[in-house]
Amino acid sequence: QVQLVESGGGLVQPGGSLRLSCAASRSIFSVYAMTWYRQAPGKQRDVVATITSGGSTNYADSVKGRFTISRDNAKNTGYLQMNSLKPEDTAVYYCRVAGSWGQGTQVTVSS
């Protein structure tokens, strides 16, 4: 089982940017897809973006054009670059790879 640790969350004003990281305990991103999810208070956990082992990406309609998912296989780390953030992006963000979940990182978008 792989261990995943997210980081990079925080408080940002609307229109701002954050980059989330998902560090894996072993080399895995070249084999498995990585998915970022988010869960707002009182809501279900939803898919935000996915990157396959081959590098193909897919995004939720709500973040298309604003978020970019990527990975660095050499660093065993995946990323979620979030630009033009909106208050509705406020949530705990989780990464998932090979059935393992990270602990989540809080993103709060507020003025």
PDB file of N, CA and C in Angstrom:
ATOM      1  N   GLN A   1       0.841  -1.193   0.000  1.00  0.00           N
ATOM      2  CA  GLN A   1       0.000   0.000   0.000  1.00  0.00           C
ATOM      3  C   GLN A   1       0.877   1.244   0.000  1.00  0.00           C
ATOM      4  N   VAL A   2       0.483   2.230  -0.775  1.00  0.00           N
ATOM      5  CA  VAL A   2       1.258   3.450  -0.866  1.00  0.00           C
ATOM      6  C   VAL A   2       0.730   4.472   0.120  1.00  0.00           C
ATOM      7  N   GLN A   3       1.629   5.231   0.723  1.00  0.00           N
ATOM      8  CA  GLN A   3       1.249   6.327   1.609  1.00  0.00           C
ATOM      9  C   GLN A   3       1.255   7.623   0.803  1.00  0.00           C
ATOM     10  N   LEU A   4       0.222   8.440   1.021  1.00  0.00           N
ATOM     11  CA  LEU A   4       0.093   9.699   0.298  1.00  0.00           C
ATOM     12  C   LEU A   4      -0.030  10.843   1.295  1.00  0.00           C
ATOM     13  N   VAL A   5       0.676  11.928   1.035  1.00  0.00           N
ATOM     14  CA  VAL A   5       0.617  13.097   1.907  1.00  0.00           C
ATOM     15  C   VAL A   5       0.364  14.334   1.054  1.00  0.00           C
ATOM     16  N   GLU A   6      -0.780  14.971   1.311  1.00  0.00           N
ATOM     17  CA  GLU A   6      -1.104  16.211   0.606  1.00  0.00           C
ATOM     18  C   GLU A   6      -0.563  17.410   1.363  1.00  0.00           C
ATOM     19  N   SER A   7      -0.276  18.467   0.640  1.00  0.00           N
ATOM     20  CA  SER A   7       0.144  19.728   1.238  1.00  0.00           C
ATOM     21  C   SER A   7      -0.188  20.854   0.276  1.00  0.00           C
ATOM     22  N   GLY A   8      -0.070  22.082   0.776  1.00  0.00           N
ATOM     23  CA  GLY A   8      -0.250  23.236  -0.088  1.00  0.00           C
ATOM     24  C   GLY A   8      -1.551  23.978   0.078  1.00  0.00           C
ATOM     25  N   GLY A   9      -2.436  23.453   0.913  1.00  0.00           N
ATOM     26  CA  GLY A   9      -3.690  24.145   1.138  1.00  0.00           C
ATOM     27  C   GLY A   9      -3.503  25.394   1.982  1.00  0.00           C
ATOM     28  N   GLY A  10      -4.585  26.156   2.110  1.00  0.00           N
ATOM     29  CA  GLY A  10      -4.524  27.362   2.915  1.00  0.00           C
ATOM     30  C   GLY A  10      -5.684  28.280   2.635  1.00  0.00           C
ATOM     31  N   LEU A  11      -5.554  29.506   3.130  1.00  0.00           N
ATOM     32  CA  LEU A  11      -6.559  30.540   2.935  1.00  0.00           C
ATOM     33  C   LEU A  11      -6.096  31.470   1.821  1.00  0.00           C
ATOM     34  N   VAL A  12      -6.956  31.691   0.853  1.00  0.00           N
ATOM     35  CA  VAL A  12      -6.622  32.549  -0.278  1.00  0.00           C
ATOM     36  C   VAL A  12      -7.832  33.392  -0.641  1.00  0.00           C
ATOM     37  N   GLN A  13      -7.584  34.574  -1.153  1.00  0.00           N
ATOM     38  CA  GLN A  13      -8.674  35.436  -1.574  1.00  0.00           C
ATOM     39  C   GLN A  13      -9.239  34.988  -2.918  1.00  0.00           C
ATOM     40  N   PRO A  14     -10.480  35.304  -3.193  1.00  0.00           N
ATOM     41  CA  PRO A  14     -11.034  34.996  -4.514  1.00  0.00           C
ATOM     42  C   PRO A  14     -10.149  35.561  -5.620  1.00  0.00           C
ATOM     43  N   GLY A  15      -9.963  34.747  -6.659  1.00  0.00           N
ATOM     44  CA  GLY A  15      -9.070  35.132  -7.746  1.00  0.00           C
ATOM     45  C   GLY A  15      -7.634  34.707  -7.554  1.00  0.00           C
ATOM     46  N   GLY A  16      -7.316  34.233  -6.367  1.00  0.00           N
ATOM     47  CA  GLY A  16      -5.955  33.816  -6.072  1.00  0.00           C
ATOM     48  C   GLY A  16      -5.634  32.421  -6.559  1.00  0.00           C
ATOM     49  N   SER A  17      -4.429  31.983  -6.235  1.00  0.00           N
ATOM     50  CA  SER A  17      -3.941  30.684  -6.701  1.00  0.00           C
ATOM     51  C   SER A  17      -3.317  29.898  -5.560  1.00  0.00           C
ATOM     52  N   LEU A  18      -3.375  28.582  -5.686  1.00  0.00           N
ATOM     53  CA  LEU A  18      -2.686  27.670  -4.790  1.00  0.00           C
ATOM     54  C   LEU A  18      -2.208  26.483  -5.614  1.00  0.00           C
ATOM     55  N   ARG A  19      -1.130  25.857  -5.153  1.00  0.00           N
ATOM     56  CA  ARG A  19      -0.701  24.603  -5.756  1.00  0.00           C
ATOM     57  C   ARG A  19      -0.659  23.528  -4.680  1.00  0.00           C
ATOM     58  N   LEU A  20      -1.466  22.513  -4.875  1.00  0.00           N
ATOM     59  CA  LEU A  20      -1.481  21.376  -3.959  1.00  0.00           C
ATOM     60  C   LEU A  20      -0.487  20.319  -4.436  1.00  0.00           C
ATOM     61  N   SER A  21       0.112  19.636  -3.473  1.00  0.00           N
ATOM     62  CA  SER A  21       1.036  18.548  -3.778  1.00  0.00           C
ATOM     63  C   SER A  21       0.543  17.261  -3.133  1.00  0.00           C
ATOM     64  N   CYS A  22       0.856  16.158  -3.764  1.00  0.00           N
ATOM     65  CA  CYS A  22       0.515  14.830  -3.262  1.00  0.00           C
ATOM     66  C   CYS A  22       1.775  13.978  -3.365  1.00  0.00           C
ATOM     67  N   ALA A  23       2.450  13.792  -2.247  1.00  0.00           N
ATOM     68  CA  ALA A  23       3.710  13.055  -2.235  1.00  0.00           C
ATOM     69  C   ALA A  23       3.453  11.597  -1.910  1.00  0.00           C
ATOM     70  N   ALA A  24       3.961  10.715  -2.746  1.00  0.00           N
ATOM     71  CA  ALA A  24       3.780   9.277  -2.556  1.00  0.00           C
ATOM     72  C   ALA A  24       5.028   8.658  -1.929  1.00  0.00           C
ATOM     73  N   SER A  25       4.818   7.582  -1.185  1.00  0.00           N
ATOM     74  CA  SER A  25       5.917   6.942  -0.469  1.00  0.00           C
ATOM     75  C   SER A  25       6.794   6.077  -1.370  1.00  0.00           C
ATOM     76  N   ARG A  26       6.327   5.843  -2.590  1.00  0.00           N
ATOM     77  CA  ARG A  26       7.140   5.077  -3.529  1.00  0.00           C
ATOM     78  C   ARG A  26       6.766   5.452  -4.948  1.00  0.00           C
ATOM     79  N   SER A  27       7.563   5.000  -5.889  1.00  0.00           N
ATOM     80  CA  SER A  27       7.333   5.318  -7.289  1.00  0.00           C
ATOM     81  C   SER A  27       6.066   4.630  -7.778  1.00  0.00           C
ATOM     82  N   ILE A  28       5.098   5.454  -8.160  1.00  0.00           N
ATOM     83  CA  ILE A  28       3.791   4.884  -8.489  1.00  0.00           C
ATOM     84  C   ILE A  28       3.086   5.615  -9.623  1.00  0.00           C
ATOM     85  N   PHE A  29       3.424   6.847  -9.859  1.00  0.00           N
ATOM     86  CA  PHE A  29       2.644   7.641 -10.796  1.00  0.00           C
ATOM     87  C   PHE A  29       2.815   7.200 -12.245  1.00  0.00           C
ATOM     88  N   SER A  30       3.890   6.513 -12.546  1.00  0.00           N
ATOM     89  CA  SER A  30       4.072   6.026 -13.908  1.00  0.00           C
ATOM     90  C   SER A  30       3.256   4.764 -14.171  1.00  0.00           C
ATOM     91  N   VAL A  31       2.662   4.227 -13.098  1.00  0.00           N
ATOM     92  CA  VAL A  31       1.899   2.981 -13.224  1.00  0.00           C
ATOM     93  C   VAL A  31       0.403   3.210 -13.023  1.00  0.00           C
ATOM     94  N   TYR A  32       0.061   4.075 -12.082  1.00  0.00           N
ATOM     95  CA  TYR A  32      -1.333   4.285 -11.732  1.00  0.00           C
ATOM     96  C   TYR A  32      -1.783   5.712 -12.025  1.00  0.00           C
ATOM     97  N   ALA A  33      -3.064   5.861 -12.262  1.00  0.00           N
ATOM     98  CA  ALA A  33      -3.655   7.187 -12.383  1.00  0.00           C
ATOM     99  C   ALA A  33      -3.734   7.851 -11.018  1.00  0.00           C
ATOM    100  N   MET A  34      -3.738   9.161 -11.021  1.00  0.00           N
ATOM    101  CA  MET A  34      -3.923   9.949  -9.806  1.00  0.00           C
ATOM    102  C   MET A  34      -5.176  10.803  -9.984  1.00  0.00           C
ATOM    103  N   THR A  35      -5.971  10.835  -8.938  1.00  0.00           N
ATOM    104  CA  THR A  35      -7.183  11.644  -8.965  1.00  0.00           C
ATOM    105  C   THR A  35      -7.219  12.574  -7.767  1.00  0.00           C
ATOM    106  N   TRP A  36      -7.583  13.803  -8.000  1.00  0.00           N
ATOM    107  CA  TRP A  36      -7.850  14.751  -6.919  1.00  0.00           C
ATOM    108  C   TRP A  36      -9.358  14.809  -6.718  1.00  0.00           C
ATOM    109  N   TYR A  37      -9.754  14.761  -5.451  1.00  0.00           N
ATOM    110  CA  TYR A  37     -11.144  14.910  -5.051  1.00  0.00           C
ATOM    111  C   TYR A  37     -11.247  16.117  -4.112  1.00  0.00           C
ATOM    112  N   ARG A  38     -12.459  16.563  -3.918  1.00  0.00           N
ATOM    113  CA  ARG A  38     -12.706  17.560  -2.883  1.00  0.00           C
ATOM    114  C   ARG A  38     -14.048  17.304  -2.216  1.00  0.00           C
ATOM    115  N   GLN A  39     -14.105  17.717  -0.966  1.00  0.00           N
ATOM    116  CA  GLN A  39     -15.327  17.548  -0.194  1.00  0.00           C
ATOM    117  C   GLN A  39     -15.582  18.801   0.620  1.00  0.00           C
ATOM    118  N   ALA A  40     -16.677  19.453   0.297  1.00  0.00           N
ATOM    119  CA  ALA A  40     -17.108  20.633   1.038  1.00  0.00           C
ATOM    120  C   ALA A  40     -17.957  20.187   2.218  1.00  0.00           C
ATOM    121  N   PRO A  41     -18.082  21.014   3.255  1.00  0.00           N
ATOM    122  CA  PRO A  41     -18.876  20.631   4.430  1.00  0.00           C
ATOM    123  C   PRO A  41     -20.301  20.258   4.047  1.00  0.00           C
ATOM    124  N   GLY A  42     -20.739  19.105   4.506  1.00  0.00           N
ATOM    125  CA  GLY A  42     -22.096  18.666   4.259  1.00  0.00           C
ATOM    126  C   GLY A  42     -22.352  18.133   2.866  1.00  0.00           C
ATOM    127  N   LYS A  43     -21.301  18.004   2.064  1.00  0.00           N
ATOM    128  CA  LYS A  43     -21.480  17.527   0.689  1.00  0.00           C
ATOM    129  C   LYS A  43     -20.671  16.259   0.450  1.00  0.00           C
ATOM    130  N   GLN A  44     -20.967  15.588  -0.633  1.00  0.00           N
ATOM    131  CA  GLN A  44     -20.232  14.368  -0.970  1.00  0.00           C
ATOM    132  C   GLN A  44     -18.862  14.715  -1.533  1.00  0.00           C
ATOM    133  N   ARG A  45     -17.994  13.703  -1.545  1.00  0.00           N
ATOM    134  CA  ARG A  45     -16.666  13.872  -2.105  1.00  0.00           C
ATOM    135  C   ARG A  45     -16.758  13.725  -3.624  1.00  0.00           C
ATOM    136  N   ASP A  46     -16.303  14.724  -4.342  1.00  0.00           N
ATOM    137  CA  ASP A  46     -16.425  14.752  -5.796  1.00  0.00           C
ATOM    138  C   ASP A  46     -15.056  14.737  -6.469  1.00  0.00           C
ATOM    139  N   VAL A  47     -15.027  14.171  -7.663  1.00  0.00           N
ATOM    140  CA  VAL A  47     -13.808  14.182  -8.459  1.00  0.00           C
ATOM    141  C   VAL A  47     -13.557  15.588  -8.997  1.00  0.00           C
ATOM    142  N   VAL A  48     -12.320  16.023  -8.884  1.00  0.00           N
ATOM    143  CA  VAL A  48     -11.915  17.318  -9.424  1.00  0.00           C
ATOM    144  C   VAL A  48     -11.144  17.133 -10.728  1.00  0.00           C
ATOM    145  N   ALA A  49     -10.140  16.251 -10.700  1.00  0.00           N
ATOM    146  CA  ALA A  49      -9.297  16.059 -11.879  1.00  0.00           C
ATOM    147  C   ALA A  49      -8.582  14.723 -11.778  1.00  0.00           C
ATOM    148  N   THR A  50      -8.272  14.154 -12.939  1.00  0.00           N
ATOM    149  CA  THR A  50      -7.563  12.882 -13.018  1.00  0.00           C
ATOM    150  C   THR A  50      -6.458  12.982 -14.059  1.00  0.00           C
ATOM    151  N   ILE A  51      -5.327  12.348 -13.752  1.00  0.00           N
ATOM    152  CA  ILE A  51      -4.266  12.189 -14.737  1.00  0.00           C
ATOM    153  C   ILE A  51      -3.922  10.706 -14.787  1.00  0.00           C
ATOM    154  N   THR A  52      -3.926  10.145 -15.991  1.00  0.00           N
ATOM    155  CA  THR A  52      -3.640   8.727 -16.142  1.00  0.00           C
ATOM    156  C   THR A  52      -2.134   8.477 -16.126  1.00  0.00           C
ATOM    157  N   SER A  53      -1.756   7.211 -16.076  1.00  0.00           N
ATOM    158  CA  SER A  53      -0.339   6.881 -16.118  1.00  0.00           C
ATOM    159  C   SER A  53       0.298   7.334 -17.429  1.00  0.00           C
ATOM    160  N   GLY A  54      -0.512   7.425 -18.470  1.00  0.00           N
ATOM    161  CA  GLY A  54      -0.015   7.881 -19.757  1.00  0.00           C
ATOM    162  C   GLY A  54       0.000   9.385 -19.924  1.00  0.00           C
ATOM    163  N   GLY A  55      -0.540  10.088 -18.930  1.00  0.00           N
ATOM    164  CA  GLY A  55      -0.497  11.540 -18.975  1.00  0.00           C
ATOM    165  C   GLY A  55      -1.771  12.210 -19.455  1.00  0.00           C
ATOM    166  N   SER A  56      -2.775  11.450 -19.777  1.00  0.00           N
ATOM    167  CA  SER A  56      -4.044  12.054 -20.183  1.00  0.00           C
ATOM    168  C   SER A  56      -4.738  12.656 -18.970  1.00  0.00           C
ATOM    169  N   THR A  57      -5.403  13.770 -19.179  1.00  0.00           N
ATOM    170  CA  THR A  57      -6.050  14.464 -18.072  1.00  0.00           C
ATOM    171  C   THR A  57      -7.543  14.647 -18.335  1.00  0.00           C
ATOM    172  N   ASN A  58      -8.269  14.774 -17.235  1.00  0.00           N
ATOM    173  CA  ASN A  58      -9.701  15.023 -17.317  1.00  0.00           C
ATOM    174  C   ASN A  58     -10.091  15.876 -16.120  1.00  0.00           C
ATOM    175  N   TYR A  59     -11.038  16.780 -16.333  1.00  0.00           N
ATOM    176  CA  TYR A  59     -11.414  17.726 -15.296  1.00  0.00           C
ATOM    177  C   TYR A  59     -12.929  17.796 -15.120  1.00  0.00           C
ATOM    178  N   ALA A  60     -13.342  18.091 -13.906  1.00  0.00           N
ATOM    179  CA  ALA A  60     -14.737  18.419 -13.664  1.00  0.00           C
ATOM    180  C   ALA A  60     -15.053  19.720 -14.387  1.00  0.00           C
ATOM    181  N   ASP A  61     -16.272  19.839 -14.854  1.00  0.00           N
ATOM    182  CA  ASP A  61     -16.659  21.044 -15.600  1.00  0.00           C
ATOM    183  C   ASP A  61     -16.442  22.311 -14.772  1.00  0.00           C
ATOM    184  N   SER A  62     -16.633  22.199 -13.477  1.00  0.00           N
ATOM    185  CA  SER A  62     -16.549  23.375 -12.610  1.00  0.00           C
ATOM    186  C   SER A  62     -15.138  23.938 -12.491  1.00  0.00           C
ATOM    187  N   VAL A  63     -14.114  23.158 -12.864  1.00  0.00           N
ATOM    188  CA  VAL A  63     -12.733  23.636 -12.718  1.00  0.00           C
ATOM    189  C   VAL A  63     -11.985  23.726 -14.039  1.00  0.00           C
ATOM    190  N   LYS A  64     -12.613  23.325 -15.125  1.00  0.00           N
ATOM    191  CA  LYS A  64     -11.945  23.382 -16.428  1.00  0.00           C
ATOM    192  C   LYS A  64     -11.490  24.798 -16.747  1.00  0.00           C
ATOM    193  N   GLY A  65     -10.248  24.891 -17.215  1.00  0.00           N
ATOM    194  CA  GLY A  65      -9.696  26.188 -17.559  1.00  0.00           C
ATOM    195  C   GLY A  65      -9.090  26.925 -16.388  1.00  0.00           C
ATOM    196  N   ARG A  66      -9.317  26.426 -15.165  1.00  0.00           N
ATOM    197  CA  ARG A  66      -8.764  27.088 -13.974  1.00  0.00           C
ATOM    198  C   ARG A  66      -7.757  26.197 -13.243  1.00  0.00           C
ATOM    199  N   PHE A  67      -7.983  24.903 -13.247  1.00  0.00           N
ATOM    200  CA  PHE A  67      -7.125  23.955 -12.525  1.00  0.00           C
ATOM    201  C   PHE A  67      -6.312  23.142 -13.522  1.00  0.00           C
ATOM    202  N   THR A  68      -5.106  22.763 -13.112  1.00  0.00           N
ATOM    203  CA  THR A  68      -4.251  21.910 -13.923  1.00  0.00           C
ATOM    204  C   THR A  68      -3.649  20.811 -13.064  1.00  0.00           C
ATOM    205  N   ILE A  69      -3.855  19.578 -13.483  1.00  0.00           N
ATOM    206  CA  ILE A  69      -3.286  18.437 -12.779  1.00  0.00           C
ATOM    207  C   ILE A  69      -2.003  18.005 -13.487  1.00  0.00           C
ATOM    208  N   SER A  70      -1.017  17.624 -12.712  1.00  0.00           N
ATOM    209  CA  SER A  70       0.251  17.177 -13.286  1.00  0.00           C
ATOM    210  C   SER A  70       0.953  16.263 -12.301  1.00  0.00           C
ATOM    211  N   ARG A  71       2.062  15.713 -12.722  1.00  0.00           N
ATOM    212  CA  ARG A  71       2.833  14.863 -11.825  1.00  0.00           C
ATOM    213  C   ARG A  71       4.305  14.928 -12.229  1.00  0.00           C
ATOM    214  N   ASP A  72       5.161  14.615 -11.268  1.00  0.00           N
ATOM    215  CA  ASP A  72       6.597  14.509 -11.506  1.00  0.00           C
ATOM    216  C   ASP A  72       7.006  13.111 -11.057  1.00  0.00           C
ATOM    217  N   ASN A  73       7.161  12.213 -11.995  1.00  0.00           N
ATOM    218  CA  ASN A  73       7.461  10.826 -11.654  1.00  0.00           C
ATOM    219  C   ASN A  73       8.778  10.700 -10.882  1.00  0.00           C
ATOM    220  N   ALA A  74       9.744  11.516 -11.209  1.00  0.00           N
ATOM    221  CA  ALA A  74      11.053  11.437 -10.539  1.00  0.00           C
ATOM    222  C   ALA A  74      10.947  11.805  -9.065  1.00  0.00           C
ATOM    223  N   LYS A  75       9.999  12.681  -8.736  1.00  0.00           N
ATOM    224  CA  LYS A  75       9.817  13.116  -7.349  1.00  0.00           C
ATOM    225  C   LYS A  75       8.706  12.363  -6.646  1.00  0.00           C
ATOM    226  N   ASN A  76       8.053  11.436  -7.358  1.00  0.00           N
ATOM    227  CA  ASN A  76       6.915  10.689  -6.783  1.00  0.00           C
ATOM    228  C   ASN A  76       5.857  11.639  -6.234  1.00  0.00           C
ATOM    229  N   THR A  77       5.612  12.715  -6.945  1.00  0.00           N
ATOM    230  CA  THR A  77       4.701  13.759  -6.470  1.00  0.00           C
ATOM    231  C   THR A  77       3.742  14.183  -7.570  1.00  0.00           C
ATOM    232  N   GLY A  78       2.493  14.316  -7.191  1.00  0.00           N
ATOM    233  CA  GLY A  78       1.492  14.862  -8.075  1.00  0.00           C
ATOM    234  C   GLY A  78       1.084  16.244  -7.614  1.00  0.00           C
ATOM    235  N   TYR A  79       0.489  16.994  -8.522  1.00  0.00           N
ATOM    236  CA  TYR A  79       0.162  18.381  -8.229  1.00  0.00           C
ATOM    237  C   TYR A  79      -1.238  18.726  -8.732  1.00  0.00           C
ATOM    238  N   LEU A  80      -1.796  19.761  -8.121  1.00  0.00           N
ATOM    239  CA  LEU A  80      -3.011  20.376  -8.618  1.00  0.00           C
ATOM    240  C   LEU A  80      -2.807  21.883  -8.516  1.00  0.00           C
ATOM    241  N   GLN A  81      -2.574  22.512  -9.661  1.00  0.00           N
ATOM    242  CA  GLN A  81      -2.441  23.963  -9.720  1.00  0.00           C
ATOM    243  C   GLN A  81      -3.832  24.557  -9.845  1.00  0.00           C
ATOM    244  N   MET A  82      -4.181  25.424  -8.922  1.00  0.00           N
ATOM    245  CA  MET A  82      -5.520  25.998  -8.882  1.00  0.00           C
ATOM    246  C   MET A  82      -5.418  27.507  -9.037  1.00  0.00           C
ATOM    247  N   ASN A  83      -5.971  28.024 -10.116  1.00  0.00           N
ATOM    248  CA  ASN A  83      -5.961  29.459 -10.394  1.00  0.00           C
ATOM    249  C   ASN A  83      -7.386  30.001 -10.398  1.00  0.00           C
ATOM    250  N   SER A  84      -7.493  31.312 -10.328  1.00  0.00           N
ATOM    251  CA  SER A  84      -8.807  31.976 -10.367  1.00  0.00           C
ATOM    252  C   SER A  84      -9.766  31.331  -9.378  1.00  0.00           C
ATOM    253  N   LEU A  85      -9.304  31.146  -8.171  1.00  0.00           N
ATOM    254  CA  LEU A  85     -10.105  30.443  -7.168  1.00  0.00           C
ATOM    255  C   LEU A  85     -11.357  31.214  -6.798  1.00  0.00           C
ATOM    256  N   LYS A  86     -12.407  30.459  -6.513  1.00  0.00           N
ATOM    257  CA  LYS A  86     -13.706  31.011  -6.163  1.00  0.00           C
ATOM    258  C   LYS A  86     -14.101  30.508  -4.775  1.00  0.00           C
ATOM    259  N   PRO A  87     -14.988  31.221  -4.087  1.00  0.00           N
ATOM    260  CA  PRO A  87     -15.441  30.738  -2.777  1.00  0.00           C
ATOM    261  C   PRO A  87     -16.012  29.318  -2.835  1.00  0.00           C
ATOM    262  N   GLU A  88     -16.628  28.967  -3.939  1.00  0.00           N
ATOM    263  CA  GLU A  88     -17.200  27.618  -4.060  1.00  0.00           C
ATOM    264  C   GLU A  88     -16.149  26.525  -4.225  1.00  0.00           C
ATOM    265  N   ASP A  89     -14.887  26.910  -4.364  1.00  0.00           N
ATOM    266  CA  ASP A  89     -13.806  25.920  -4.384  1.00  0.00           C
ATOM    267  C   ASP A  89     -13.368  25.520  -2.972  1.00  0.00           C
ATOM    268  N   THR A  90     -13.915  26.179  -1.973  1.00  0.00           N
ATOM    269  CA  THR A  90     -13.585  25.856  -0.588  1.00  0.00           C
ATOM    270  C   THR A  90     -13.981  24.424  -0.268  1.00  0.00           C
ATOM    271  N   ALA A  91     -13.012  23.647   0.203  1.00  0.00           N
ATOM    272  CA  ALA A  91     -13.240  22.236   0.494  1.00  0.00           C
ATOM    273  C   ALA A  91     -11.956  21.640   1.053  1.00  0.00           C
ATOM    274  N   VAL A  92     -12.069  20.403   1.523  1.00  0.00           N
ATOM    275  CA  VAL A  92     -10.878  19.604   1.801  1.00  0.00           C
ATOM    276  C   VAL A  92     -10.553  18.844   0.528  1.00  0.00           C
ATOM    277  N   TYR A  93      -9.311  18.927   0.106  1.00  0.00           N
ATOM    278  CA  TYR A  93      -8.869  18.293  -1.136  1.00  0.00           C
ATOM    279  C   TYR A  93      -8.047  17.052  -0.801  1.00  0.00           C
ATOM    280  N   TYR A  94      -8.364  15.969  -1.507  1.00  0.00           N
ATOM    281  CA  TYR A  94      -7.705  14.687  -1.294  1.00  0.00           C
ATOM    282  C   TYR A  94      -7.129  14.177  -2.615  1.00  0.00           C
ATOM    283  N   CYS A  95      -5.999  13.494  -2.522  1.00  0.00           N
ATOM    284  CA  CYS A  95      -5.509  12.771  -3.693  1.00  0.00           C
ATOM    285  C   CYS A  95      -5.716  11.274  -3.452  1.00  0.00           C
ATOM    286  N   ARG A  96      -5.869  10.569  -4.549  1.00  0.00           N
ATOM    287  CA  ARG A  96      -6.065   9.122  -4.487  1.00  0.00           C
ATOM    288  C   ARG A  96      -5.253   8.469  -5.584  1.00  0.00           C
ATOM    289  N   VAL A  97      -4.511   7.451  -5.211  1.00  0.00           N
ATOM    290  CA  VAL A  97      -3.699   6.687  -6.157  1.00  0.00           C
ATOM    291  C   VAL A  97      -3.725   5.226  -5.729  1.00  0.00           C
ATOM    292  N   ALA A  98      -3.999   4.348  -6.660  1.00  0.00           N
ATOM    293  CA  ALA A  98      -3.966   2.905  -6.411  1.00  0.00           C
ATOM    294  C   ALA A  98      -4.788   2.511  -5.195  1.00  0.00           C
ATOM    295  N   GLY A  99      -5.918   3.149  -5.019  1.00  0.00           N
ATOM    296  CA  GLY A  99      -6.814   2.802  -3.928  1.00  0.00           C
ATOM    297  C   GLY A  99      -6.472   3.427  -2.593  1.00  0.00           C
ATOM    298  N   SER A 100      -5.363   4.136  -2.509  1.00  0.00           N
ATOM    299  CA  SER A 100      -4.969   4.795  -1.265  1.00  0.00           C
ATOM    300  C   SER A 100      -5.377   6.265  -1.290  1.00  0.00           C
ATOM    301  N   TRP A 101      -5.716   6.770  -0.103  1.00  0.00           N
ATOM    302  CA  TRP A 101      -6.101   8.169   0.061  1.00  0.00           C
ATOM    303  C   TRP A 101      -5.076   8.874   0.926  1.00  0.00           C
ATOM    304  N   GLY A 102      -4.889  10.170   0.627  1.00  0.00           N
ATOM    305  CA  GLY A 102      -4.144  11.002   1.539  1.00  0.00           C
ATOM    306  C   GLY A 102      -5.047  11.497   2.656  1.00  0.00           C
ATOM    307  N   GLN A 103      -4.479  12.300   3.548  1.00  0.00           N
ATOM    308  CA  GLN A 103      -5.230  12.774   4.710  1.00  0.00           C
ATOM    309  C   GLN A 103      -6.064  13.996   4.402  1.00  0.00           C
ATOM    310  N   GLY A 104      -5.806  14.632   3.274  1.00  0.00           N
ATOM    311  CA  GLY A 104      -6.541  15.820   2.874  1.00  0.00           C
ATOM    312  C   GLY A 104      -5.851  17.105   3.277  1.00  0.00           C
ATOM    313  N   THR A 105      -6.126  18.155   2.517  1.00  0.00           N
ATOM    314  CA  THR A 105      -5.599  19.479   2.830  1.00  0.00           C
ATOM    315  C   THR A 105      -6.718  20.499   2.604  1.00  0.00           C
ATOM    316  N   GLN A 106      -6.882  21.391   3.559  1.00  0.00           N
ATOM    317  CA  GLN A 106      -7.992  22.346   3.525  1.00  0.00           C
ATOM    318  C   GLN A 106      -7.661  23.519   2.607  1.00  0.00           C
ATOM    319  N   VAL A 107      -8.596  23.829   1.740  1.00  0.00           N
ATOM    320  CA  VAL A 107      -8.508  25.026   0.898  1.00  0.00           C
ATOM    321  C   VAL A 107      -9.705  25.907   1.233  1.00  0.00           C
ATOM    322  N   THR A 108      -9.434  27.141   1.613  1.00  0.00           N
ATOM    323  CA  THR A 108     -10.487  28.099   1.932  1.00  0.00           C
ATOM    324  C   THR A 108     -10.303  29.331   1.074  1.00  0.00           C
ATOM    325  N   VAL A 109     -11.338  29.650   0.318  1.00  0.00           N
ATOM    326  CA  VAL A 109     -11.310  30.824  -0.561  1.00  0.00           C
ATOM    327  C   VAL A 109     -12.287  31.840   0.003  1.00  0.00           C
ATOM    328  N   SER A 110     -11.750  32.926   0.512  1.00  0.00           N
ATOM    329  CA  SER A 110     -12.583  33.911   1.189  1.00  0.00           C
ATOM    330  C   SER A 110     -11.869  35.246   1.237  1.00  0.00           C
ATOM    331  N   SER A 111     -12.661  36.309   1.185  1.00  0.00           N
ATOM    332  CA  SER A 111     -12.098  37.645   1.323  1.00  0.00           C
ATOM    333  C   SER A 111     -12.144  38.095   2.781  1.00  0.00           C
TER     334      SER A 111
END
